């Protein structure tokens, strides 16, 4: 009789323990099963969270882990797709002018021209295609340096008015070849900015070439330079094809090309890096590149801080 009471107590204890731990064991099995599903690559699977204790917290952490892994996988897939599109796009963009160059050079090599005028035309066309190829390679080189953080700016004080006048002087013959007209309003006497002139020339050249490519008849490109107390504003405007608000929001994205550009054989669209590079270069020099578009009227404005802002920043750093 003395031994029966402990045995009965033990039996009741085991039965109570079983009923008490059955749900816990079942939930642990559910967690283990879920972890197995996630580990096999189903990152969309979520473990049900129906407890508010440590096991419930474990389930929440497992779901957060699966979500982070899923997001990381999506980014890797997107980056891989972008990489493949980049390789395909670059291959096409480089092949097009290169094929034309080879064609013209082959004609010249085999003396397949009728007269000196046709010879000069072949040479000039081959030269222009070589310039396009160089521009593409330069854009890719600058883009990779910006992306890797290896682009070192060489800043100095520059009169932006004088720099702009020189750029426009060299650009007028190019515009004339495309039956375009450049008008300029330079409303500043002197505009000293602290910039890397080589990279600012690249920005302005990209904006001018962009306007030249996409301007519609009568193909007028308006250039305005003005300033206020703190900033100098360089605006390049042209009339072009209307685009949607969604297309406008993507214009500064790398490798983006509008459908109109890709379907128009008269437009050499390049690699779709010009505007993306220009905005990044502007921001690297404490400036901005903005676009105002309305009903096919495009106004790109480059904002750069005037010299005294640079001096104020220097004093602030010293303090």
Protein backbone atom coordinates (compact mmCIF):
# COMPACT_ATOMS: atom_id res chain seq x y z
CA UNK A 1 0.00 0.00 0.00
CA UNK A 2 2.93 2.27 0.75
CA UNK A 3 4.25 1.80 -2.82
CA UNK A 4 0.91 2.38 -4.55
CA UNK A 5 0.60 6.06 -3.63
CA UNK A 6 3.95 7.10 -5.25
CA UNK A 7 3.10 5.04 -8.32
CA UNK A 8 -0.30 6.69 -8.66
CA UNK A 9 1.33 10.10 -8.18
CA UNK A 10 3.91 9.29 -10.83
CA UNK A 11 1.24 8.15 -13.28
CA UNK A 12 -0.81 11.32 -12.75
CA UNK A 13 2.37 13.39 -13.10
CA UNK A 14 3.29 11.72 -16.38
CA UNK A 15 -0.24 12.13 -17.72
CA UNK A 16 -0.31 15.82 -16.70
CA UNK A 17 3.18 16.36 -18.11
CA UNK A 18 2.12 14.76 -21.39
CA UNK A 19 -0.96 16.95 -21.76
CA UNK A 20 1.03 20.03 -20.70
CA UNK A 21 3.91 19.46 -23.12
CA UNK A 22 1.95 17.96 -26.01
CA UNK A 23 1.20 21.37 -27.56
CA UNK A 24 4.77 22.52 -27.03
CA UNK A 25 6.18 19.39 -28.68
CA UNK A 26 3.67 19.70 -31.53
CA UNK A 27 4.65 23.36 -32.06
CA UNK A 28 8.36 22.51 -31.95
CA UNK A 29 7.70 19.87 -34.62
CA UNK A 30 5.86 22.52 -36.65
CA UNK A 31 8.85 24.88 -36.34
CA UNK A 32 11.25 22.13 -37.36
CA UNK A 33 9.09 21.30 -40.36
CA UNK A 34 8.92 24.97 -41.36
CA UNK A 35 12.67 25.37 -41.00
CA UNK A 36 13.13 22.37 -43.28
CA UNK A 37 10.84 23.91 -45.90
CA UNK A 38 12.71 27.24 -45.75
CA UNK A 39 16.12 25.55 -45.89
CA UNK A 40 15.06 23.82 -49.14
CA UNK A 41 14.62 27.21 -50.81
CA UNK A 42 10.96 28.06 -50.26
CA UNK A 43 11.61 31.54 -48.86
CA UNK A 44 7.95 32.52 -49.22
CA UNK A 45 6.89 30.03 -46.55
CA UNK A 46 5.98 31.50 -43.17
CA UNK A 47 5.70 29.61 -39.89
CA UNK A 48 2.35 30.26 -38.11
CA UNK A 49 2.82 32.37 -34.97
CA UNK A 50 0.22 31.23 -32.45
CA UNK A 51 2.15 31.52 -29.19
CA UNK A 52 3.36 34.51 -27.18
CA UNK A 53 6.28 32.88 -25.42
CA UNK A 54 9.88 32.12 -26.42
CA UNK A 55 8.71 29.67 -29.08
CA UNK A 56 6.47 32.36 -30.57
CA UNK A 57 9.45 34.74 -30.66
CA UNK A 58 11.47 32.01 -32.36
CA UNK A 59 8.77 31.66 -35.03
CA UNK A 60 8.77 35.43 -35.60
CA UNK A 61 12.55 35.42 -35.97
CA UNK A 62 12.36 32.52 -38.43
CA UNK A 63 9.82 34.40 -40.54
CA UNK A 64 11.96 37.56 -40.48
CA UNK A 65 14.99 35.52 -41.51
CA UNK A 66 13.05 33.99 -44.43
CA UNK A 67 11.86 37.45 -45.50
CA UNK A 68 15.38 38.90 -45.43
CA UNK A 69 16.76 35.94 -47.36
CA UNK A 70 13.93 36.31 -49.87
CA UNK A 71 14.64 40.02 -50.33
CA UNK A 72 18.34 39.33 -50.72
CA UNK A 73 17.63 36.65 -53.31
CA UNK A 74 15.36 39.04 -55.24
CA UNK A 75 18.08 41.69 -55.23
CA UNK A 76 20.66 39.18 -56.43
CA UNK A 77 18.32 38.04 -59.20
CA UNK A 78 17.62 41.66 -60.19
CA UNK A 79 21.35 42.48 -60.16
CA UNK A 80 22.11 39.43 -62.26
CA UNK A 81 19.39 40.38 -64.73
CA UNK A 82 20.70 43.96 -64.81
CA UNK A 83 24.21 42.64 -65.42
CA UNK A 84 23.04 40.50 -68.34
CA UNK A 85 21.02 43.38 -69.79
CA UNK A 86 24.04 45.63 -69.37
CA UNK A 87 26.32 43.20 -71.21
CA UNK A 88 23.75 42.72 -73.97
CA UNK A 89 23.07 46.45 -74.28
CA UNK A 90 26.72 47.44 -74.26
CA UNK A 91 27.57 44.75 -76.82
CA UNK A 92 24.86 46.11 -79.12
CA UNK A 93 25.76 49.75 -78.53
CA UNK A 94 29.45 49.15 -79.21
CA UNK A 95 28.85 46.84 -82.17
CA UNK A 96 26.65 49.32 -84.07
CA UNK A 97 29.23 52.11 -84.62
CA UNK A 98 32.05 49.58 -84.89
CA UNK A 99 30.25 47.72 -87.69
CA UNK A 100 29.71 50.99 -89.55
CA UNK A 101 33.37 51.93 -89.13
CA UNK A 102 34.49 48.57 -90.50
CA UNK A 103 32.12 48.96 -93.43
CA UNK A 104 33.41 52.41 -94.37
CA UNK A 105 37.05 51.40 -93.88
CA UNK A 106 36.50 48.32 -96.04
CA UNK A 107 35.12 50.53 -98.80
CA UNK A 108 38.15 52.81 -98.50
CA UNK A 109 40.59 49.88 -98.39
CA UNK A 110 39.13 48.40 -101.59
CA UNK A 111 38.98 51.85 -103.27
CA UNK A 112 35.22 51.44 -103.65
CA UNK A 113 34.50 55.14 -104.07
CA UNK A 114 33.64 57.03 -107.23
CA UNK A 115 35.43 60.31 -106.61
CA UNK A 116 37.18 62.44 -104.03
CA UNK A 117 33.85 63.74 -102.69
CA UNK A 118 32.65 60.21 -101.93
CA UNK A 119 36.06 59.37 -100.44
CA UNK A 120 35.80 62.34 -98.06
CA UNK A 121 32.23 61.34 -97.13
CA UNK A 122 33.35 57.82 -96.22
CA UNK A 123 36.24 59.17 -94.14
CA UNK A 124 34.01 61.65 -92.30
CA UNK A 125 31.37 59.01 -91.60
CA UNK A 126 33.98 56.61 -90.26
CA UNK A 127 35.39 59.39 -88.08
CA UNK A 128 31.96 60.22 -86.64
CA UNK A 129 31.35 56.56 -85.84
CA UNK A 130 34.73 56.43 -84.11
CA UNK A 131 33.72 59.47 -82.04
CA UNK A 132 30.46 57.72 -81.05
CA UNK A 133 32.44 54.65 -80.03
CA UNK A 134 34.82 56.76 -77.94
CA UNK A 135 31.88 58.52 -76.27
CA UNK A 136 30.31 55.19 -75.33
CA UNK A 137 33.58 53.89 -73.89
CA UNK A 138 34.18 57.14 -71.99
CA UNK A 139 30.67 57.01 -70.47
CA UNK A 140 31.17 53.42 -69.37
CA UNK A 141 34.59 54.26 -67.90
CA UNK A 142 33.25 57.23 -65.93
CA UNK A 143 30.19 55.27 -64.79
CA UNK A 144 32.30 52.41 -63.42
CA UNK A 145 34.57 54.88 -61.60
CA UNK A 146 31.58 56.65 -60.05
CA UNK A 147 29.92 53.36 -59.06
CA UNK A 148 33.10 52.06 -57.43
CA UNK A 149 33.80 55.37 -55.68
CA UNK A 150 37.14 55.75 -57.47
CA UNK A 151 36.39 58.97 -59.32
CA UNK A 152 38.64 61.69 -57.94
CA UNK A 153 37.56 65.24 -58.72
CA UNK A 154 40.23 67.84 -59.43
CA UNK A 155 38.49 71.03 -58.31
CA UNK A 156 39.58 74.59 -58.92
CA UNK A 157 38.01 78.02 -59.31
CA UNK A 158 36.58 78.45 -62.80
CA UNK A 159 34.60 81.18 -64.54
CA UNK A 160 31.57 79.20 -65.71
CA UNK A 161 30.55 81.96 -68.14
CA UNK A 162 33.86 81.69 -70.02
CA UNK A 163 33.73 77.88 -69.90
CA UNK A 164 30.18 77.83 -71.30
CA UNK A 165 31.01 80.28 -74.09
CA UNK A 166 33.91 78.06 -75.18
CA UNK A 167 31.71 74.93 -75.15
CA UNK A 168 28.98 76.64 -77.19
CA UNK A 169 31.55 77.98 -79.69
CA UNK A 170 32.73 74.41 -80.31
CA UNK A 171 29.18 73.00 -80.35
CA UNK A 172 27.68 75.38 -82.96
CA UNK A 173 29.20 73.55 -86.00
CA UNK A 174 27.86 70.22 -84.67
CA UNK A 175 24.38 71.74 -84.30
CA UNK A 176 24.57 73.25 -87.80
CA UNK A 177 25.31 69.81 -89.25
CA UNK A 178 22.06 68.59 -87.67
CA UNK A 179 20.09 71.61 -88.94
CA UNK A 180 19.71 72.86 -85.38
CA UNK A 181 20.12 76.34 -83.95
CA UNK A 182 21.65 77.37 -80.63
CA UNK A 183 20.44 80.48 -78.84
CA UNK A 184 22.08 81.71 -75.63
CA UNK A 185 21.22 84.22 -72.93
CA UNK A 186 24.12 84.75 -70.56
CA UNK A 187 22.84 87.03 -67.81
CA UNK A 188 25.90 87.05 -65.56
CA UNK A 189 29.04 89.14 -65.81
CA UNK A 190 31.27 86.72 -63.94
CA UNK A 191 30.47 83.36 -62.41
CA UNK A 192 33.29 81.86 -60.37
CA UNK A 193 32.54 78.32 -59.23
CA UNK A 194 34.68 75.73 -57.47
CA UNK A 195 34.42 72.69 -59.72
CA UNK A 196 36.22 69.98 -61.64
CA UNK A 197 36.03 71.67 -65.07
CA UNK A 198 36.57 68.43 -67.01
CA UNK A 199 33.55 66.80 -65.41
CA UNK A 200 31.36 69.90 -65.73
CA UNK A 201 32.24 70.02 -69.43
CA UNK A 202 31.09 66.40 -69.59
CA UNK A 203 27.76 67.34 -67.97
CA UNK A 204 27.14 70.28 -70.32
CA UNK A 205 28.18 68.26 -73.36
CA UNK A 206 25.80 65.45 -72.36
CA UNK A 207 22.92 67.91 -71.96
CA UNK A 208 23.62 69.61 -75.28
CA UNK A 209 23.94 66.31 -77.15
CA UNK A 210 20.76 65.05 -75.47
CA UNK A 211 18.88 68.17 -76.63
CA UNK A 212 20.34 67.82 -80.13
CA UNK A 213 19.27 64.17 -80.41
CA UNK A 214 15.71 64.59 -79.21
CA UNK A 215 14.78 68.08 -80.42
CA UNK A 216 11.96 68.28 -82.96
CA UNK A 217 11.59 70.81 -85.77
CA UNK A 218 12.49 73.62 -85.89
CA UNK A 219 15.22 72.18 -83.60
CA UNK A 220 16.08 75.19 -81.46
CA UNK A 221 18.19 74.68 -78.33
CA UNK A 222 17.99 77.53 -75.82
CA UNK A 223 20.83 77.97 -73.33
CA UNK A 224 20.47 80.31 -70.37
CA UNK A 225 22.99 81.20 -67.65
CA UNK A 226 21.87 83.19 -64.63
CA UNK A 227 22.53 83.35 -60.90
CA UNK A 228 21.25 84.51 -57.55
CA UNK A 229 23.06 85.13 -54.27
CA UNK A 230 24.06 81.50 -53.77
CA UNK A 231 23.68 79.50 -56.98
CA UNK A 232 24.40 79.72 -60.67
CA UNK A 233 21.81 78.16 -62.98
CA UNK A 234 22.62 76.75 -66.40
CA UNK A 235 19.45 75.77 -68.26
CA UNK A 236 19.28 73.93 -71.59
CA UNK A 237 15.84 73.77 -73.20
CA UNK A 238 14.35 72.17 -76.29
CA UNK A 239 11.06 70.98 -77.76
CA UNK A 240 10.77 67.21 -78.11
CA UNK A 241 8.37 64.29 -78.18
CA UNK A 242 5.93 64.09 -75.29
CA UNK A 243 6.62 61.39 -72.72
CA UNK A 244 4.56 59.98 -69.88
CA UNK A 245 5.11 60.85 -66.24
CA UNK A 246 6.46 57.34 -65.67
CA UNK A 247 9.00 57.76 -68.48
CA UNK A 248 10.00 61.15 -67.10
CA UNK A 249 10.68 59.62 -63.66
CA UNK A 250 13.10 57.14 -65.26
CA UNK A 251 15.11 59.54 -67.42
CA UNK A 252 17.95 59.77 -64.89
CA UNK A 253 18.11 56.01 -64.34
CA UNK A 254 21.16 54.20 -65.72
CA UNK A 255 20.70 52.42 -69.06
CA UNK A 256 17.17 53.77 -69.50
CA UNK A 257 16.06 54.58 -73.04
CA UNK A 258 12.61 55.78 -74.05
CA UNK A 259 10.60 53.73 -76.54
CA UNK A 260 10.60 56.66 -78.98
CA UNK A 261 14.39 56.75 -78.95
CA UNK A 262 14.88 53.02 -79.41
CA UNK A 263 12.38 52.87 -82.30
CA UNK A 264 13.75 55.91 -84.13
CA UNK A 265 16.71 54.88 -86.34
CA UNK A 266 17.71 58.52 -86.77
CA UNK A 267 18.60 58.80 -83.07
CA UNK A 268 21.85 57.32 -81.81
CA UNK A 269 20.75 56.68 -78.24
CA UNK A 270 24.05 55.47 -76.81
CA UNK A 271 24.16 53.32 -73.69
CA UNK A 272 21.56 55.33 -71.76
CA UNK A 273 24.15 56.59 -69.28
CA UNK A 274 24.50 60.27 -70.17
CA UNK A 275 21.84 61.74 -67.89
CA UNK A 276 22.56 59.33 -65.04
CA UNK A 277 26.25 60.21 -65.14
CA UNK A 278 25.51 63.92 -65.41
CA UNK A 279 23.30 63.94 -62.31
CA UNK A 280 25.86 61.96 -60.28
CA UNK A 281 28.69 64.27 -61.39
CA UNK A 282 26.62 67.33 -60.45
CA UNK A 283 25.92 65.94 -56.98
CA UNK A 284 29.60 65.05 -56.46
CA UNK A 285 30.35 68.76 -56.94
CA UNK A 286 27.74 69.88 -54.39
CA UNK A 287 25.36 70.75 -57.20
CA UNK A 288 22.11 69.46 -58.68
CA UNK A 289 20.70 68.49 -62.05
CA UNK A 290 16.96 68.96 -62.40
CA UNK A 291 14.38 68.53 -65.15
CA UNK A 292 11.14 70.40 -65.77
CA UNK A 293 9.05 68.78 -68.51
CA UNK A 294 5.69 69.96 -69.76
CA UNK A 295 3.93 68.89 -72.96
CA UNK A 296 7.15 68.03 -74.77
CA UNK A 297 9.11 71.06 -73.55
CA UNK A 298 12.27 69.97 -71.73
CA UNK A 299 14.30 72.24 -69.45
CA UNK A 300 17.37 70.67 -67.82
CA UNK A 301 18.96 72.91 -65.20
CA UNK A 302 22.42 72.44 -63.72
CA UNK A 303 22.80 74.21 -60.37
CA UNK A 304 26.28 74.87 -59.00
CA UNK A 305 27.19 76.76 -55.82
CA UNK A 306 28.97 80.08 -56.30
CA UNK A 307 32.52 80.60 -55.03
CA UNK A 308 31.56 82.24 -51.71
CA UNK A 309 29.54 79.13 -50.78
CA UNK A 310 32.70 77.12 -51.21
CA UNK A 311 34.56 79.55 -48.96
CA UNK A 312 31.80 79.34 -46.32
CA UNK A 313 32.02 75.53 -46.40
CA UNK A 314 35.79 75.76 -45.93
CA UNK A 315 35.40 78.04 -42.88
CA UNK A 316 32.80 75.69 -41.42
CA UNK A 317 35.20 72.77 -41.80
CA UNK A 318 37.98 74.75 -40.05
CA UNK A 319 35.67 75.58 -37.13
